[in-house]
Amino acid sequence: MRKSAEIAGAGFAGLTVATELARLGWRVQVHESADRPRTFGAGIFLWDNGLHVLRELGVVDRVLAGCHEAVLWEERTATGERIGVRPLAARGGLRLVTLPRHRLMTSLLSAAGEAGVRVRTRSRAVGADPDGALLTAGGHRWEADLVVSAEGIRSALRVSLGVPTEHVVFSAGACRLLVPWGRVPGGGDMWRQYVNFSDSRSRRRVLYVPCGNEVVYLLLGAEETDPALRRPLDPGPWCATFPPLRSLLSELPPRPRFDRYEALRLTAWSVGRVGLVGDAAHAMPPTLGQGAGTALSNSLALARSVDGSGDVQAGLRSWEAAQRPMVDLTLEESVRGVSYMYPGPGSPGLDGWPGSAFDIAAHRVPPRRGG
C-alpha cells in the first residue's frame, strides 16, 4: 500500500520534500494558503549544497539557465572604496550562483508536477495531529502517514503542536527588489561581481547582486528605525548615502516588502508523525545566503530518511540526529554574521567571516536514496 504525505507550504522546502517523496512512490499533497504558489523576496543565493539537491531532483539545468556566477565577492564603502575581497569559487572550490527567486520556484513546481504531486491552493493549514493528520481551515482533516510543516517562520502547525521555540528578532532588516540590468552604471568589472556597499556610520548597506543578464537583485539593509526605510520609500537618502549606485536607486518601489532579520531554534524538529523543516524549523538571517540551501538539503534528507525507515517516527528521529548538528552550526554562524553587515575601513571584514562551519555546510550533501 502506498504511503501518503500531507505537506503544509508550497515553498522551496515543501516542494522539495513533496517531489522526492513522490519520486519514491508516495502519494503526496501540498497545501498552499494563497491562490497560487509564490515567492517573497527578489533574488536568491545558491551554494553547492542547494545545487546538489536540484541536481538530484533533475532541475539543475533549468535553474542555472540564465543565472549569474561572479568571480569575486567584494566589500566596499558607500562611496565605492574597496575594503575587502574574496575570490569565488570560495574555499575548496565552493560554488555560488545567483538568480531570481521565481526561477527556482518555477523549476521546483515543474518537478513536483512531473513527479505526481498534487498542489491544493487556497488551503490554509491551521494545525496538525501528531498521530498523522493535517488540519486546514474549514474543519478539514487530512489523514496521512507523514505530515510536514514547511509553511514558514509563522508556522501554524508548530504553534498547534506546542513545540518549545527560541525566536530571536534583530533590529536590522531589509527591503529586497529586482531592477533592470539596463540601469547598471556600466563600465568596470565591478558590476559583474557581488558587492556589499556599506556605510558604518549610518548603518545602511546595499547588497548588489547580478542575476543573469536581465536583472540585478538589490538588498537595502538598515536598522528598522532608520527613516530611510519609511514607506513610501524615498530614493533620496539612499542615493545620497551611496553615490555610485544612484542610477540603480533613483527609482524605487514605494512600498517594497520589508523583513526583519530573525532566527528560530526548536527543541525538536518532529512531534509524532509530524516533521518541521525550512523556516518553520530553522529560520536564519540571510547573512550567509544559506537559508535556501539549508532548506533544500534538509528537506531532501527528510524525505529519504522517512522513506528508508520502516517507521515514520523513527525516520524523523534519525533525520534530525543526522542533520541537526550542521544546521545548528549554520544557524549560529548566520546569527554571528549580523555583526559583520556594516564593515568600514579597518574592520575585520571578510577575514573574520564566514568561518569553517559555513564551508562544511555549503559543501554538505544529503544521504543517497536508501541511505
Protein backbone atom coordinates (compact mmCIF):
# COMPACT_ATOMS: atom_id res chain seq x y z
CA MET A 1 0.00 0.00 0.00
CA ARG A 2 1.36 3.44 -0.97
CA LYS A 3 2.33 5.68 1.90
CA SER A 4 0.89 9.19 1.96
CA ALA A 5 2.12 12.63 2.96
CA GLU A 6 0.29 15.89 3.58
CA ILE A 7 2.55 18.94 3.41
CA ALA A 8 1.79 22.49 4.53
CA GLY A 9 3.50 25.11 2.39
CA ALA A 10 4.36 25.19 -1.33
CA GLY A 11 7.69 26.93 -0.87
CA PHE A 12 11.18 25.66 -1.58
CA ALA A 13 11.26 23.26 1.39
CA GLY A 14 7.73 21.91 0.96
CA LEU A 15 8.11 21.29 -2.76
CA THR A 16 11.45 19.55 -2.27
CA VAL A 17 10.06 17.12 0.33
CA ALA A 18 6.98 16.56 -1.82
CA THR A 19 8.87 15.91 -5.04
CA GLU A 20 11.31 13.44 -3.54
CA LEU A 21 8.59 11.51 -1.68
CA ALA A 22 6.51 11.30 -4.86
CA ARG A 23 9.55 10.06 -6.79
CA LEU A 24 9.93 7.39 -4.13
CA GLY A 25 6.35 6.21 -4.69
CA TRP A 26 4.42 8.15 -2.05
CA ARG A 27 1.05 9.79 -2.62
CA VAL A 28 1.70 13.45 -1.83
CA GLN A 29 -0.47 16.52 -1.47
CA VAL A 30 0.81 20.05 -0.76
CA HIS A 31 -1.43 22.69 0.79
CA GLU A 32 -0.86 26.33 -0.11
CA SER A 33 -2.91 29.08 1.53
CA ALA A 34 -2.57 31.52 -1.40
CA ASP A 35 -4.36 31.21 -4.72
CA ARG A 36 -1.05 30.18 -6.28
CA PRO A 37 2.43 29.32 -5.00
CA ARG A 38 4.59 32.42 -4.89
CA THR A 39 7.90 33.64 -3.52
CA PHE A 40 8.79 36.55 -1.29
CA GLY A 41 11.99 38.46 -1.78
CA ALA A 42 13.70 39.01 -5.11
CA GLY A 43 16.99 37.25 -5.74
CA ILE A 44 18.50 34.15 -4.20
CA PHE A 45 21.95 32.70 -3.49
CA LEU A 46 22.57 29.01 -4.17
CA TRP A 47 25.75 27.35 -2.96
CA ASP A 48 26.93 23.80 -3.68
CA ASN A 49 24.55 22.15 -1.21
CA GLY A 50 21.49 23.68 -2.86
CA LEU A 51 22.78 22.94 -6.36
CA HIS A 52 23.32 19.30 -5.39
CA VAL A 53 19.67 18.98 -4.34
CA LEU A 54 18.48 20.50 -7.61
CA ARG A 55 20.72 18.07 -9.50
CA GLU A 56 19.17 15.17 -7.57
CA LEU A 57 15.68 16.43 -8.43
CA GLY A 58 16.59 16.75 -12.10
CA VAL A 59 16.06 20.51 -12.39
CA VAL A 60 19.55 21.98 -12.04
CA ASP A 61 19.87 22.79 -15.75
CA ARG A 62 16.56 24.69 -15.73
CA VAL A 63 17.60 26.65 -12.68
CA LEU A 64 21.07 27.51 -13.95
CA ALA A 65 19.87 28.70 -17.34
CA GLY A 66 20.31 32.47 -17.21
CA CYS A 67 21.77 32.59 -13.68
CA HIS A 68 24.91 34.55 -12.74
CA GLU A 69 28.20 33.31 -11.32
CA ALA A 70 30.60 36.03 -10.21
CA VAL A 71 34.31 35.51 -9.65
CA LEU A 72 34.61 37.90 -6.69
CA TRP A 73 32.75 38.90 -3.54
CA GLU A 74 33.66 42.47 -2.63
CA GLU A 75 33.11 44.70 0.37
CA ARG A 76 33.13 48.42 -0.46
CA THR A 77 32.39 51.63 1.37
CA ALA A 78 29.33 53.68 0.48
CA THR A 79 31.47 55.76 -1.90
CA GLY A 80 32.92 52.69 -3.65
CA GLU A 81 36.31 52.24 -1.94
CA ARG A 82 37.18 48.54 -1.79
CA ILE A 83 37.83 47.33 1.78
CA GLY A 84 37.76 43.56 1.26
CA VAL A 85 37.61 40.92 -1.45
CA ARG A 86 37.18 37.15 -1.60
CA PRO A 87 37.66 35.08 -4.76
CA LEU A 88 34.87 32.81 -5.95
CA ALA A 89 34.71 29.86 -6.08
CA ALA A 90 35.37 30.01 -2.36
CA ARG A 91 37.50 27.71 -0.24
CA GLY A 92 37.60 24.14 -1.53
CA GLY A 93 36.08 25.11 -4.89
CA LEU A 94 32.80 26.13 -3.26
CA ARG A 95 30.45 27.32 -6.00
CA LEU A 96 27.94 30.17 -5.71
CA VAL A 97 25.32 31.22 -8.25
CA THR A 98 22.56 33.83 -8.09
CA LEU A 99 19.19 34.02 -9.80
CA PRO A 100 15.69 35.46 -9.38
CA ARG A 101 13.67 33.53 -6.82
CA HIS A 102 10.82 32.98 -9.25
CA ARG A 103 13.11 30.90 -11.50
CA LEU A 104 13.80 28.48 -8.67
CA MET A 105 10.13 28.35 -7.73
CA THR A 106 9.02 27.65 -11.31
CA SER A 107 11.56 24.84 -11.64
CA LEU A 108 10.54 23.20 -8.35
CA LEU A 109 6.85 23.43 -9.24
CA SER A 110 7.54 21.75 -12.57
CA ALA A 111 9.47 18.97 -10.87
CA ALA A 112 6.66 18.44 -8.36
CA GLY A 113 4.05 18.23 -11.11
CA GLU A 114 6.14 15.80 -13.14
CA ALA A 115 6.54 13.59 -10.06
CA GLY A 116 2.77 13.48 -9.50
CA VAL A 117 2.48 15.84 -6.53
CA ARG A 118 -0.90 17.50 -6.09
CA VAL A 119 -0.76 21.16 -5.04
CA ARG A 120 -4.00 22.28 -3.42
CA THR A 121 -4.22 26.09 -3.38
CA ARG A 122 -6.42 28.21 -1.10
CA SER A 123 -5.98 25.53 1.54
CA ARG A 124 -4.75 27.13 4.75
CA ALA A 125 -3.10 24.84 7.28
CA VAL A 126 -4.17 25.60 10.86
CA GLY A 127 -2.80 22.68 12.84
CA ALA A 128 -1.60 19.11 12.97
CA ASP A 129 -2.35 15.93 14.89
CA PRO A 130 0.83 14.09 15.97
CA ASP A 131 -0.89 10.81 15.12
CA GLY A 132 -0.78 11.81 11.46
CA ALA A 133 -3.25 14.41 10.23
CA LEU A 134 -3.05 17.89 8.75
CA LEU A 135 -5.84 20.27 9.74
CA THR A 136 -6.92 23.04 7.37
CA ALA A 137 -9.34 25.94 7.61
CA GLY A 138 -12.99 24.97 7.38
CA GLY A 139 -12.58 21.95 9.64
CA HIS A 140 -10.91 19.65 7.09
CA ARG A 141 -8.77 16.81 8.39
CA TRP A 142 -6.27 15.14 6.05
CA GLU A 143 -5.03 11.79 7.35
CA ALA A 144 -1.54 10.69 6.29
CA ASP A 145 1.42 8.54 7.22
CA LEU A 146 3.54 11.71 7.36
CA VAL A 147 2.70 15.38 7.87
CA VAL A 148 5.26 18.08 7.12
CA SER A 149 5.22 21.68 8.29
CA ALA A 150 7.02 23.79 5.69
CA GLU A 151 4.87 26.91 5.82
CA GLY A 152 7.50 29.31 7.09
CA ILE A 153 8.57 31.08 10.22
CA ARG A 154 4.96 31.85 11.26
CA SER A 155 4.08 28.14 11.12
CA ALA A 156 0.59 27.42 12.43
CA LEU A 157 1.46 23.73 12.71
CA ARG A 158 4.40 24.45 15.00
CA VAL A 159 2.18 26.57 17.25
CA SER A 160 -0.56 23.93 17.34
CA LEU A 161 1.97 21.27 18.36
CA GLY A 162 3.35 23.43 21.18
CA VAL A 163 6.98 22.91 20.20
CA PRO A 164 9.20 24.97 22.55
CA THR A 165 10.79 27.63 20.37
CA GLU A 166 13.51 30.24 20.74
CA HIS A 167 12.65 33.10 18.40
CA VAL A 168 15.13 35.97 18.06
CA VAL A 169 14.17 39.14 16.17
CA PHE A 170 17.02 41.53 15.33
CA SER A 171 16.81 45.29 14.95
CA ALA A 172 18.14 45.09 11.39
CA GLY A 173 16.16 44.20 8.31
CA ALA A 174 15.97 44.71 4.58
CA CYS A 175 13.88 45.63 1.57
CA ARG A 176 14.60 43.45 -1.47
CA LEU A 177 13.90 44.22 -5.10
CA LEU A 178 14.90 43.50 -8.69
CA VAL A 179 15.94 46.26 -11.08
CA PRO A 180 16.56 46.02 -14.84
CA TRP A 181 20.15 45.40 -15.93
CA GLY A 182 19.89 48.48 -18.14
CA ARG A 183 20.10 50.70 -15.04
CA VAL A 184 23.54 49.38 -14.05
CA PRO A 185 26.04 52.28 -14.26
CA GLY A 186 28.24 50.35 -16.71
CA GLY A 187 31.97 50.45 -17.16
CA GLY A 188 34.30 48.45 -14.95
CA ASP A 189 34.43 44.81 -13.95
CA MET A 190 32.95 45.60 -10.50
CA TRP A 191 29.42 45.49 -11.89
CA ARG A 192 29.74 41.78 -12.74
CA GLN A 193 30.69 40.89 -9.14
CA TYR A 194 28.75 40.56 -5.88
CA VAL A 195 29.30 43.74 -3.91
CA ASN A 196 28.21 44.75 -0.42
CA PHE A 197 28.26 48.55 -0.20
CA SER A 198 28.08 49.64 3.42
CA ASP A 199 28.11 52.79 5.49
CA SER A 200 29.17 52.02 9.06
CA ARG A 201 28.16 55.49 10.30
CA SER A 202 24.50 55.36 9.23
CA ARG A 203 24.37 51.53 9.46
CA ARG A 204 23.00 51.24 5.95
CA ARG A 205 24.00 48.78 3.27
CA VAL A 206 23.14 47.93 -0.30
CA LEU A 207 23.94 44.41 -1.44
CA TYR A 208 24.42 44.43 -5.22
CA VAL A 209 23.81 41.03 -6.87
CA PRO A 210 23.65 40.43 -10.64
CA CYS A 211 21.13 37.69 -11.51
CA GLY A 212 21.78 36.82 -15.14
CA ASN A 213 21.86 39.34 -17.95
CA GLU A 214 18.45 40.89 -17.37
CA VAL A 215 18.07 41.88 -13.71
CA VAL A 216 20.04 42.88 -10.63
CA TYR A 217 18.95 41.95 -7.13
CA LEU A 218 19.31 44.77 -4.58
CA LEU A 219 19.01 44.35 -0.83
CA LEU A 220 18.57 47.64 1.02
CA GLY A 221 19.51 46.95 4.62
CA ALA A 222 19.32 49.14 7.71
CA GLU A 223 18.01 49.29 11.25
CA GLU A 224 14.23 49.15 11.38
CA THR A 225 14.06 52.64 12.92
CA ASP A 226 16.10 54.23 10.10
CA PRO A 227 13.99 56.98 8.42
CA ALA A 228 15.35 55.78 5.05
CA LEU A 229 13.09 52.73 5.37
CA ARG A 230 9.86 54.67 5.87
CA ARG A 231 7.16 53.92 3.35
CA PRO A 232 6.55 55.23 0.78
CA LEU A 233 10.26 54.60 0.20
CA ASP A 234 12.16 57.76 -0.69
CA PRO A 235 15.15 57.18 -3.03
CA GLY A 236 16.78 60.42 -1.83
CA PRO A 237 18.51 59.16 1.35
CA TRP A 238 19.75 56.03 -0.41
CA CYS A 239 21.16 57.95 -3.39
CA ALA A 240 22.84 60.41 -1.03
CA THR A 241 24.43 57.65 1.03
CA PHE A 242 25.53 55.51 -1.96
CA PRO A 243 26.53 57.81 -4.86
CA PRO A 244 27.96 55.03 -7.09
CA LEU A 245 24.51 53.37 -7.08
CA ARG A 246 22.48 56.45 -7.95
CA SER A 247 21.21 55.10 -11.28
CA LEU A 248 20.02 51.91 -9.58
CA LEU A 249 18.46 53.61 -6.55
CA SER A 250 16.83 56.62 -8.22
CA GLU A 251 13.61 54.68 -8.90
CA LEU A 252 12.45 52.52 -6.01
CA PRO A 253 9.07 50.85 -5.49
CA PRO A 254 7.17 52.95 -2.92
CA ARG A 255 6.15 50.06 -0.69
CA PRO A 256 8.52 47.12 -1.04
CA ARG A 257 8.28 44.24 1.38
CA PHE A 258 10.41 44.78 4.49
CA ASP A 259 11.59 41.83 6.59
CA ARG A 260 13.31 41.96 9.96
CA TYR A 261 16.21 39.56 10.41
CA GLU A 262 15.07 36.63 12.54
CA ALA A 263 16.38 33.32 13.86
CA LEU A 264 14.42 30.30 15.02
CA ARG A 265 15.58 27.33 17.10
CA LEU A 266 13.33 24.44 18.12
CA THR A 267 13.88 21.87 20.84
CA ALA A 268 12.79 19.18 18.35
CA TRP A 269 12.03 19.05 14.63
CA SER A 270 9.26 16.48 14.96
CA VAL A 271 6.31 15.54 17.12
CA GLY A 272 4.89 12.09 16.47
CA ARG A 273 4.48 11.73 12.71
CA VAL A 274 4.78 15.47 12.04
CA GLY A 275 8.10 16.91 10.85
CA LEU A 276 9.09 20.57 10.62
CA VAL A 277 11.58 21.85 8.05
CA GLY A 278 12.79 25.04 6.38
CA ASP A 279 11.95 28.33 8.08
CA ALA A 280 9.31 26.55 10.18
CA ALA A 281 12.16 24.76 11.98
CA HIS A 282 15.44 26.61 11.45
CA ALA A 283 14.90 30.11 10.08
CA MET A 284 18.11 32.11 9.91
CA PRO A 285 19.09 35.68 8.98
CA PRO A 286 20.24 35.92 5.34
CA THR A 287 23.81 36.91 6.21
CA LEU A 288 25.31 33.70 4.73
CA GLY A 289 22.92 33.21 1.83
CA GLN A 290 22.36 29.72 3.28
CA GLY A 291 18.62 29.84 4.05
CA ALA A 292 17.59 28.28 0.75
CA GLY A 293 20.47 25.82 0.51
CA THR A 294 19.93 24.56 4.04
CA ALA A 295 16.18 24.22 3.49
CA LEU A 296 16.61 22.33 0.22
CA SER A 297 19.26 19.99 1.60
CA ASN A 298 17.44 19.27 4.85
CA SER A 299 14.15 18.70 3.03
CA LEU A 300 15.63 16.15 0.67
CA ALA A 301 17.25 14.39 3.63
CA LEU A 302 13.90 14.29 5.45
CA ALA A 303 12.16 12.57 2.55
CA ARG A 304 14.91 9.98 2.15
CA SER A 305 15.22 9.24 5.85
CA VAL A 306 11.50 8.69 6.33
CA ASP A 307 11.18 6.57 3.19
CA GLY A 308 14.20 4.47 4.12
CA SER A 309 12.87 3.68 7.57
CA GLY A 310 10.18 1.14 8.30
CA ASP A 311 8.64 3.55 10.78
CA VAL A 312 7.89 7.21 10.10
CA GLN A 313 8.65 8.39 13.62
CA ALA A 314 11.95 6.50 13.67
CA GLY A 315 12.80 8.02 10.29
CA LEU A 316 12.12 11.52 11.59
CA ARG A 317 14.30 10.95 14.65
CA SER A 318 17.11 9.56 12.51
CA TRP A 319 16.85 12.52 10.13
CA GLU A 320 17.14 15.06 12.92
CA ALA A 321 20.04 13.26 14.56
CA ALA A 322 21.98 13.26 11.29
CA GLN A 323 21.16 16.76 10.06
CA ARG A 324 20.75 18.90 13.14
CA PRO A 325 24.40 19.41 14.17
CA MET A 326 25.35 21.06 10.88
CA VAL A 327 22.10 23.01 10.55
CA ASP A 328 22.59 24.39 14.06
CA LEU A 329 26.16 25.44 13.24
CA THR A 330 25.00 27.15 10.06
CA LEU A 331 22.28 28.94 12.01
CA GLU A 332 24.78 30.09 14.65
CA GLU A 333 27.15 31.41 12.01
CA SER A 334 24.30 33.23 10.24
CA VAL A 335 23.45 34.93 13.53
CA ARG A 336 27.11 35.83 14.03
CA GLY A 337 27.11 37.38 10.56
CA VAL A 338 24.64 40.06 11.70
CA SER A 339 27.55 41.82 13.42
CA TYR A 340 29.50 41.96 10.12
CA MET A 341 26.86 43.68 8.00
CA TYR A 342 28.25 47.22 8.05
CA PRO A 343 32.05 46.91 7.71
CA GLY A 344 34.14 50.05 7.34
CA PRO A 345 37.80 50.75 6.63
CA GLY A 346 39.94 48.82 9.11
CA SER A 347 37.19 46.39 10.12
CA PRO A 348 37.79 42.60 10.10
CA GLY A 349 35.51 42.32 7.05
CA LEU A 350 35.89 39.13 5.05
CA ASP A 351 38.88 37.95 7.07
CA GLY A 352 36.71 37.14 10.10
CA TRP A 353 33.63 35.67 8.46
CA PRO A 354 32.26 33.28 7.35
CA GLY A 355 34.10 30.51 9.17
CA SER A 356 34.77 26.83 8.74
CA ALA A 357 31.27 25.73 9.78
CA PHE A 358 29.85 27.57 6.78
CA ASP A 359 32.32 25.90 4.39
CA ILE A 360 31.30 22.46 5.64
CA ALA A 361 27.58 23.26 5.47
CA ALA A 362 27.71 24.73 1.97
CA HIS A 363 29.55 21.62 0.69
CA ARG A 364 27.25 19.21 2.52
CA VAL A 365 25.07 16.81 0.52
CA PRO A 366 22.11 14.76 1.79
CA PRO A 367 22.25 10.97 2.08
CA ARG A 368 21.62 8.90 -1.02
CA ARG A 369 18.30 7.20 -1.52
CA GLY A 370 18.03 4.30 0.85
CA GLY A 371 20.96 5.69 2.84
